[in-house]
Amino acid sequence: IFAISSTSVAQYKRAGIPECKIFPFAYFPYFRFKTDFYCNTKHDVNNILKLIFIGALIPRKGLANLLRTVKKFNEKGWGVTLDCFGPGDSSIYAFSEPSSTYRGVLQFGSAAQTISRYDLLILPSVFDGWGVVCNEAVLVGVPVVCSSDVGFSGVVSKWGCGLTYEQHDPGGLEDALSFFLANPDRVYQMRENALSVAAGLEPSVGAQYVAAVIRHIIDGSERPSAIWYDCE
């Protein structure tokens, strides 16, 4: 069983699947746009923190909490802006222009290029099996802030390509963003980490891992190690 994320590894273990049959895995979508966009449009994060959210406008994605948090920062005079993209009914959400704006639906294949214009990708989902938009973010060197219930959070924690927060902590997202506002230099440091992990999320890396697992099962060769996240 190839289990995508540490959460799914734990779920299979609880279901009684022998640990020797569970292999940590990741998600390896192929993107046309690579690091060509990296640093093309970066700006001084000491001036203002530019955030982007991409996802369906549904409760599970946690957008309402993100909008409340951004509004709170701006009421305190902090320079934070949020652009949101995705399908759904935007009228049910409390956007507060110009600090938070709904930008519509992105054209397929354009997400990575769009993300490259921002400082941080935010994925505050109540639950997300993986969060493929995070792949697109690290591909162009943009750090990720996501909840602990996003599958990609294990990658963020291991590689230091952003910050995670506990989903059930009402102030968790606010604390994560406050960290970047207080330490803008860390955005730049995490960009390099993001590009480092991006190389490990290429489809060829996933294919090589699958081949190594097959060799391990057939001829008893060494069990391959998963590089993407740690499992308990």
C-alpha atoms as a PDB file:
ATOM      1  CA  ILE A   1       0.000   0.000   0.000  1.00  0.00           C
ATOM      2  CA  PHE A   2       1.371   3.389  -1.003  1.00  0.00           C
ATOM      3  CA  ALA A   3       0.033   5.810   1.612  1.00  0.00           C
ATOM      4  CA  ILE A   4      -0.039   9.490   0.707  1.00  0.00           C
ATOM      5  CA  SER A   5       0.880  11.522   3.838  1.00  0.00           C
ATOM      6  CA  SER A   6       1.757  10.511   7.384  1.00  0.00           C
ATOM      7  CA  THR A   7      -1.934  10.720   8.274  1.00  0.00           C
ATOM      8  CA  SER A   8      -2.844   7.978   5.811  1.00  0.00           C
ATOM      9  CA  VAL A   9       0.071   5.849   7.033  1.00  0.00           C
ATOM     10  CA  ALA A  10      -1.378   6.064  10.553  1.00  0.00           C
ATOM     11  CA  GLN A  11      -4.891   5.288   9.281  1.00  0.00           C
ATOM     12  CA  TYR A  12      -3.744   2.085   7.570  1.00  0.00           C
ATOM     13  CA  LYS A  13      -1.880   1.009  10.694  1.00  0.00           C
ATOM     14  CA  ARG A  14      -5.003   1.534  12.806  1.00  0.00           C
ATOM     15  CA  ALA A  15      -6.963  -0.506  10.262  1.00  0.00           C
ATOM     16  CA  GLY A  16      -4.691  -3.468  10.982  1.00  0.00           C
ATOM     17  CA  ILE A  17      -2.497  -3.402   7.880  1.00  0.00           C
ATOM     18  CA  PRO A  18       0.982  -4.758   8.741  1.00  0.00           C
ATOM     19  CA  GLU A  19       3.524  -1.967   8.823  1.00  0.00           C
ATOM     20  CA  CYS A  20       5.804  -3.882   6.469  1.00  0.00           C
ATOM     21  CA  LYS A  21       3.174  -3.539   3.740  1.00  0.00           C
ATOM     22  CA  ILE A  22       2.725   0.220   4.086  1.00  0.00           C
ATOM     23  CA  PHE A  23       5.040   2.500   2.114  1.00  0.00           C
ATOM     24  CA  PRO A  24       4.951   6.268   2.692  1.00  0.00           C
ATOM     25  CA  PHE A  25       4.298   8.071  -0.555  1.00  0.00           C
ATOM     26  CA  ALA A  26       3.589  11.566  -1.844  1.00  0.00           C
ATOM     27  CA  TYR A  27       1.755  13.244  -4.706  1.00  0.00           C
ATOM     28  CA  PHE A  28       3.655  13.790  -7.935  1.00  0.00           C
ATOM     29  CA  PRO A  29       1.671  15.846 -10.431  1.00  0.00           C
ATOM     30  CA  TYR A  30       3.578  17.046 -13.464  1.00  0.00           C
ATOM     31  CA  PHE A  31       3.687  20.787 -13.920  1.00  0.00           C
ATOM     32  CA  ARG A  32       4.788  22.487 -17.079  1.00  0.00           C
ATOM     33  CA  PHE A  33       6.003  25.544 -15.198  1.00  0.00           C
ATOM     34  CA  LYS A  34       9.181  24.971 -13.261  1.00  0.00           C
ATOM     35  CA  THR A  35      11.424  27.372 -11.355  1.00  0.00           C
ATOM     36  CA  ASP A  36      11.541  29.796 -14.330  1.00  0.00           C
ATOM     37  CA  PHE A  37       9.248  32.058 -12.308  1.00  0.00           C
ATOM     38  CA  TYR A  38      11.263  31.913  -9.111  1.00  0.00           C
ATOM     39  CA  CYS A  39      12.205  35.377  -7.795  1.00  0.00           C
ATOM     40  CA  ASN A  40      10.876  37.133 -10.898  1.00  0.00           C
ATOM     41  CA  THR A  41       8.394  39.191  -8.929  1.00  0.00           C
ATOM     42  CA  LYS A  42       9.521  39.013  -5.300  1.00  0.00           C
ATOM     43  CA  HIS A  43       9.371  42.187  -3.271  1.00  0.00           C
ATOM     44  CA  ASP A  44      10.391  43.505   0.119  1.00  0.00           C
ATOM     45  CA  VAL A  45       8.399  41.537   2.699  1.00  0.00           C
ATOM     46  CA  ASN A  46       9.328  44.141   5.310  1.00  0.00           C
ATOM     47  CA  ASN A  47       6.829  46.424   3.592  1.00  0.00           C
ATOM     48  CA  ILE A  48       3.802  44.158   3.171  1.00  0.00           C
ATOM     49  CA  LEU A  49       3.065  40.438   3.326  1.00  0.00           C
ATOM     50  CA  LYS A  50       1.285  39.166   0.211  1.00  0.00           C
ATOM     51  CA  LEU A  51      -0.722  35.967   0.696  1.00  0.00           C
ATOM     52  CA  ILE A  52      -2.490  33.724  -1.787  1.00  0.00           C
ATOM     53  CA  PHE A  53      -5.201  31.098  -1.311  1.00  0.00           C
ATOM     54  CA  ILE A  54      -6.175  28.692  -4.090  1.00  0.00           C
ATOM     55  CA  GLY A  55      -8.978  26.204  -3.579  1.00  0.00           C
ATOM     56  CA  ALA A  56     -12.681  25.521  -3.820  1.00  0.00           C
ATOM     57  CA  LEU A  57     -14.825  27.959  -1.841  1.00  0.00           C
ATOM     58  CA  ILE A  58     -16.177  25.314   0.516  1.00  0.00           C
ATOM     59  CA  PRO A  59     -16.149  25.170   4.340  1.00  0.00           C
ATOM     60  CA  ARG A  60     -13.588  22.346   4.439  1.00  0.00           C
ATOM     61  CA  LYS A  61     -10.910  24.633   3.002  1.00  0.00           C
ATOM     62  CA  GLY A  62     -11.005  26.937   6.037  1.00  0.00           C
ATOM     63  CA  LEU A  63     -11.250  30.163   4.044  1.00  0.00           C
ATOM     64  CA  ALA A  64     -13.573  31.893   6.530  1.00  0.00           C
ATOM     65  CA  ASN A  65     -10.944  31.622   9.271  1.00  0.00           C
ATOM     66  CA  LEU A  66      -8.264  32.951   6.939  1.00  0.00           C
ATOM     67  CA  LEU A  67     -10.374  35.986   6.021  1.00  0.00           C
ATOM     68  CA  ARG A  68     -11.063  36.757   9.687  1.00  0.00           C
ATOM     69  CA  THR A  69      -7.363  36.532  10.462  1.00  0.00           C
ATOM     70  CA  VAL A  70      -6.330  38.851   7.625  1.00  0.00           C
ATOM     71  CA  LYS A  71      -9.003  41.357   8.635  1.00  0.00           C
ATOM     72  CA  LYS A  72      -7.732  41.327  12.219  1.00  0.00           C
ATOM     73  CA  PHE A  73      -4.177  42.065  11.085  1.00  0.00           C
ATOM     74  CA  ASN A  74      -5.305  44.998   8.981  1.00  0.00           C
ATOM     75  CA  GLU A  75      -7.425  46.415  11.782  1.00  0.00           C
ATOM     76  CA  LYS A  76      -4.229  46.451  13.843  1.00  0.00           C
ATOM     77  CA  GLY A  77      -2.388  48.271  11.068  1.00  0.00           C
ATOM     78  CA  TRP A  78      -0.286  45.354   9.843  1.00  0.00           C
ATOM     79  CA  GLY A  79       0.406  45.207   6.121  1.00  0.00           C
ATOM     80  CA  VAL A  80      -1.177  41.941   4.991  1.00  0.00           C
ATOM     81  CA  THR A  81      -3.058  41.323   1.746  1.00  0.00           C
ATOM     82  CA  LEU A  82      -4.795  38.172   0.560  1.00  0.00           C
ATOM     83  CA  ASP A  83      -5.855  37.196  -2.956  1.00  0.00           C
ATOM     84  CA  CYS A  84      -8.194  34.206  -3.257  1.00  0.00           C
ATOM     85  CA  PHE A  85      -8.739  32.046  -6.322  1.00  0.00           C
ATOM     86  CA  GLY A  86     -11.102  29.138  -6.804  1.00  0.00           C
ATOM     87  CA  PRO A  87     -14.549  27.956  -7.884  1.00  0.00           C
ATOM     88  CA  GLY A  88     -17.605  28.543  -5.737  1.00  0.00           C
ATOM     89  CA  ASP A  89     -19.921  31.203  -4.390  1.00  0.00           C
ATOM     90  CA  SER A  90     -17.725  34.069  -3.194  1.00  0.00           C
ATOM     91  CA  SER A  91     -20.756  36.022  -1.923  1.00  0.00           C
ATOM     92  CA  ILE A  92     -20.998  33.838   1.196  1.00  0.00           C
ATOM     93  CA  TYR A  93     -17.537  34.936   2.350  1.00  0.00           C
ATOM     94  CA  ALA A  94     -16.635  38.198   4.075  1.00  0.00           C
ATOM     95  CA  PHE A  95     -14.000  39.616   1.750  1.00  0.00           C
ATOM     96  CA  SER A  96     -12.726  43.025   2.879  1.00  0.00           C
ATOM     97  CA  GLU A  97     -11.190  44.793  -0.080  1.00  0.00           C
ATOM     98  CA  PRO A  98      -8.498  45.879  -0.574  1.00  0.00           C
ATOM     99  CA  SER A  99      -6.956  43.673   2.133  1.00  0.00           C
ATOM    100  CA  SER A 100      -8.722  40.487   0.952  1.00  0.00           C
ATOM    101  CA  THR A 101     -10.007  40.059  -2.585  1.00  0.00           C
ATOM    102  CA  TYR A 102     -11.643  37.286  -4.563  1.00  0.00           C
ATOM    103  CA  ARG A 103      -9.907  37.003  -7.950  1.00  0.00           C
ATOM    104  CA  GLY A 104     -12.006  34.332  -9.661  1.00  0.00           C
ATOM    105  CA  VAL A 105     -10.950  30.986 -11.107  1.00  0.00           C
ATOM    106  CA  LEU A 106      -7.458  30.425 -12.449  1.00  0.00           C
ATOM    107  CA  GLN A 107      -6.914  29.056 -15.904  1.00  0.00           C
ATOM    108  CA  PHE A 108      -5.785  25.431 -15.771  1.00  0.00           C
ATOM    109  CA  GLY A 109      -2.009  25.198 -15.658  1.00  0.00           C
ATOM    110  CA  SER A 110      -1.445  28.788 -14.521  1.00  0.00           C
ATOM    111  CA  ALA A 111      -1.382  28.275 -10.742  1.00  0.00           C
ATOM    112  CA  ALA A 112       2.397  28.014 -10.311  1.00  0.00           C
ATOM    113  CA  GLN A 113       3.050  31.162 -12.313  1.00  0.00           C
ATOM    114  CA  THR A 114       0.410  33.029 -10.309  1.00  0.00           C
ATOM    115  CA  ILE A 115       1.689  31.774  -6.949  1.00  0.00           C
ATOM    116  CA  SER A 116       5.197  32.994  -7.785  1.00  0.00           C
ATOM    117  CA  ARG A 117       3.981  36.593  -7.368  1.00  0.00           C
ATOM    118  CA  TYR A 118       3.260  36.108  -3.669  1.00  0.00           C
ATOM    119  CA  ASP A 119       5.208  35.652  -0.430  1.00  0.00           C
ATOM    120  CA  LEU A 120       3.234  32.766   1.081  1.00  0.00           C
ATOM    121  CA  LEU A 121       0.642  30.218  -0.002  1.00  0.00           C
ATOM    122  CA  ILE A 122      -1.972  29.640   2.707  1.00  0.00           C
ATOM    123  CA  LEU A 123      -3.949  26.376   2.898  1.00  0.00           C
ATOM    124  CA  PRO A 124      -6.002  26.486   6.128  1.00  0.00           C
ATOM    125  CA  SER A 125      -8.075  23.378   5.396  1.00  0.00           C
ATOM    126  CA  VAL A 126     -10.000  21.619   8.120  1.00  0.00           C
ATOM    127  CA  PHE A 127      -8.933  18.480   6.264  1.00  0.00           C
ATOM    128  CA  ASP A 128      -7.018  17.897   3.056  1.00  0.00           C
ATOM    129  CA  GLY A 129      -5.652  14.511   2.023  1.00  0.00           C
ATOM    130  CA  TRP A 130      -2.622  16.165   0.451  1.00  0.00           C
ATOM    131  CA  GLY A 131      -3.086  19.660  -1.007  1.00  0.00           C
ATOM    132  CA  VAL A 132      -1.631  19.607  -4.514  1.00  0.00           C
ATOM    133  CA  VAL A 133      -1.515  23.406  -4.678  1.00  0.00           C
ATOM    134  CA  CYS A 134       1.337  23.151  -2.149  1.00  0.00           C
ATOM    135  CA  ASN A 135       3.381  21.271  -4.771  1.00  0.00           C
ATOM    136  CA  GLU A 136       2.876  24.179  -7.128  1.00  0.00           C
ATOM    137  CA  ALA A 137       3.976  26.640  -4.464  1.00  0.00           C
ATOM    138  CA  VAL A 138       7.272  24.979  -3.550  1.00  0.00           C
ATOM    139  CA  LEU A 139       7.964  24.439  -7.237  1.00  0.00           C
ATOM    140  CA  VAL A 140       8.419  28.199  -7.596  1.00  0.00           C
ATOM    141  CA  GLY A 141      10.040  28.752  -4.206  1.00  0.00           C
ATOM    142  CA  VAL A 142       7.006  30.025  -2.305  1.00  0.00           C
ATOM    143  CA  PRO A 143       6.737  28.826   1.325  1.00  0.00           C
ATOM    144  CA  VAL A 144       3.522  27.209   2.565  1.00  0.00           C
ATOM    145  CA  VAL A 145       1.465  27.876   5.685  1.00  0.00           C
ATOM    146  CA  CYS A 146      -1.040  25.094   6.302  1.00  0.00           C
ATOM    147  CA  SER A 147      -2.953  23.393   9.063  1.00  0.00           C
ATOM    148  CA  SER A 148      -1.778  20.159  10.641  1.00  0.00           C
ATOM    149  CA  ASP A 149      -4.719  18.390   8.974  1.00  0.00           C
ATOM    150  CA  VAL A 150      -3.335  19.009   5.494  1.00  0.00           C
ATOM    151  CA  GLY A 151      -1.397  16.016   4.177  1.00  0.00           C
ATOM    152  CA  PHE A 152       1.369  18.268   2.871  1.00  0.00           C
ATOM    153  CA  SER A 153       2.007  19.537   6.416  1.00  0.00           C
ATOM    154  CA  GLY A 154       4.426  16.659   6.960  1.00  0.00           C
ATOM    155  CA  VAL A 155       6.545  17.948   4.078  1.00  0.00           C
ATOM    156  CA  VAL A 156       6.476  21.483   5.479  1.00  0.00           C
ATOM    157  CA  SER A 157       7.587  20.270   8.907  1.00  0.00           C
ATOM    158  CA  LYS A 158      10.407  18.047   7.658  1.00  0.00           C
ATOM    159  CA  TRP A 159      11.822  20.406   5.046  1.00  0.00           C
ATOM    160  CA  GLY A 160      11.238  23.756   6.749  1.00  0.00           C
ATOM    161  CA  CYS A 161       9.523  25.166   3.668  1.00  0.00           C
ATOM    162  CA  GLY A 162       6.924  27.075   5.656  1.00  0.00           C
ATOM    163  CA  LEU A 163       4.980  26.715   8.893  1.00  0.00           C
ATOM    164  CA  THR A 164       2.195  24.472  10.138  1.00  0.00           C
ATOM    165  CA  TYR A 165      -0.269  25.092  12.944  1.00  0.00           C
ATOM    166  CA  GLU A 166      -2.725  22.934  14.857  1.00  0.00           C
ATOM    167  CA  GLN A 167      -6.114  23.059  13.163  1.00  0.00           C
ATOM    168  CA  HIS A 168      -7.979  23.011  16.474  1.00  0.00           C
ATOM    169  CA  ASP A 169      -5.994  25.943  17.883  1.00  0.00           C
ATOM    170  CA  PRO A 170      -8.214  29.014  17.296  1.00  0.00           C
ATOM    171  CA  GLY A 171      -5.172  31.291  17.198  1.00  0.00           C
ATOM    172  CA  GLY A 172      -2.865  28.943  15.319  1.00  0.00           C
ATOM    173  CA  LEU A 173      -3.094  30.600  11.920  1.00  0.00           C
ATOM    174  CA  GLU A 174      -2.743  34.060  13.431  1.00  0.00           C
ATOM    175  CA  ASP A 175       0.393  32.960  15.305  1.00  0.00           C
ATOM    176  CA  ALA A 176       1.931  31.491  12.137  1.00  0.00           C
ATOM    177  CA  LEU A 177       1.407  34.692  10.153  1.00  0.00           C
ATOM    178  CA  SER A 178       2.588  36.809  13.091  1.00  0.00           C
ATOM    179  CA  PHE A 179       5.850  34.890  12.997  1.00  0.00           C
ATOM    180  CA  PHE A 180       6.525  35.994   9.424  1.00  0.00           C
ATOM    181  CA  LEU A 181       5.534  39.578  10.165  1.00  0.00           C
ATOM    182  CA  ALA A 182       7.988  39.636  13.063  1.00  0.00           C
ATOM    183  CA  ASN A 183      10.680  37.720  11.152  1.00  0.00           C
ATOM    184  CA  PRO A 184      10.444  38.709   7.467  1.00  0.00           C
ATOM    185  CA  ASP A 185      13.916  37.321   6.765  1.00  0.00           C
ATOM    186  CA  ARG A 186      12.582  33.819   7.365  1.00  0.00           C
ATOM    187  CA  VAL A 187      10.460  34.083   4.211  1.00  0.00           C
ATOM    188  CA  TYR A 188      13.659  34.301   2.176  1.00  0.00           C
ATOM    189  CA  GLN A 189      15.270  31.406   4.041  1.00  0.00           C
ATOM    190  CA  MET A 190      12.253  29.179   3.523  1.00  0.00           C
ATOM    191  CA  ARG A 191      12.203  29.899  -0.209  1.00  0.00           C
ATOM    192  CA  GLU A 192      15.440  27.984  -0.596  1.00  0.00           C
ATOM    193  CA  ASN A 193      14.005  25.104   1.425  1.00  0.00           C
ATOM    194  CA  ALA A 194      10.931  25.111  -0.792  1.00  0.00           C
ATOM    195  CA  LEU A 195      13.032  24.745  -3.931  1.00  0.00           C
ATOM    196  CA  SER A 196      14.994  21.932  -2.282  1.00  0.00           C
ATOM    197  CA  VAL A 197      11.915  19.851  -1.550  1.00  0.00           C
ATOM    198  CA  ALA A 198      10.478  20.605  -4.987  1.00  0.00           C
ATOM    199  CA  ALA A 199      13.197  18.454  -6.555  1.00  0.00           C
ATOM    200  CA  GLY A 200      11.969  15.528  -4.448  1.00  0.00           C
ATOM    201  CA  LEU A 201       8.398  15.942  -5.674  1.00  0.00           C
ATOM    202  CA  GLU A 202       9.197  15.341  -9.325  1.00  0.00           C
ATOM    203  CA  PRO A 203       7.306  12.408 -10.926  1.00  0.00           C
ATOM    204  CA  SER A 204      10.606  10.679 -11.731  1.00  0.00           C
ATOM    205  CA  VAL A 205      11.455  10.554  -8.011  1.00  0.00           C
ATOM    206  CA  GLY A 206       8.137   8.879  -7.254  1.00  0.00           C
ATOM    207  CA  ALA A 207       8.685   6.372 -10.064  1.00  0.00           C
ATOM    208  CA  GLN A 208      12.159   5.477  -8.785  1.00  0.00           C
ATOM    209  CA  TYR A 209      10.739   4.936  -5.315  1.00  0.00           C
ATOM    210  CA  VAL A 210       8.010   2.615  -6.643  1.00  0.00           C
ATOM    211  CA  ALA A 211      10.645   0.610  -8.549  1.00  0.00           C
ATOM    212  CA  ALA A 212      12.732   0.307  -5.374  1.00  0.00           C
ATOM    213  CA  VAL A 213       9.703  -0.933  -3.439  1.00  0.00           C
ATOM    214  CA  ILE A 214       9.032  -3.577  -6.089  1.00  0.00           C
ATOM    215  CA  ARG A 215      12.656  -4.748  -5.926  1.00  0.00           C
ATOM    216  CA  HIS A 216      12.397  -4.892  -2.143  1.00  0.00           C
ATOM    217  CA  ILE A 217       9.296  -7.093  -2.337  1.00  0.00           C
ATOM    218  CA  ILE A 218      10.520  -9.373  -5.123  1.00  0.00           C
ATOM    219  CA  ASP A 219      14.160  -9.957  -4.289  1.00  0.00           C
ATOM    220  CA  GLY A 220      14.469  -8.787  -0.719  1.00  0.00           C
ATOM    221  CA  SER A 221      16.632  -5.787  -1.458  1.00  0.00           C
ATOM    222  CA  GLU A 222      16.809  -2.999   1.104  1.00  0.00           C
ATOM    223  CA  ARG A 223      13.550  -1.278   1.922  1.00  0.00           C
ATOM    224  CA  PRO A 224      13.680   2.239   0.443  1.00  0.00           C
ATOM    225  CA  SER A 225      13.358   5.268   2.703  1.00  0.00           C
ATOM    226  CA  ALA A 226      10.726   7.919   2.051  1.00  0.00           C
ATOM    227  CA  ILE A 227      12.260  11.383   1.876  1.00  0.00           C
ATOM    228  CA  TRP A 228       9.108  13.511   1.936  1.00  0.00           C
ATOM    229  CA  TYR A 229       7.942  13.361   5.538  1.00  0.00           C
ATOM    230  CA  ASP A 230       8.494  11.502   8.789  1.00  0.00           C
ATOM    231  CA  CYS A 231       6.146   8.854  10.164  1.00  0.00           C
ATOM    232  CA  GLU A 232       5.728   8.016  13.804  1.00  0.00           C
END
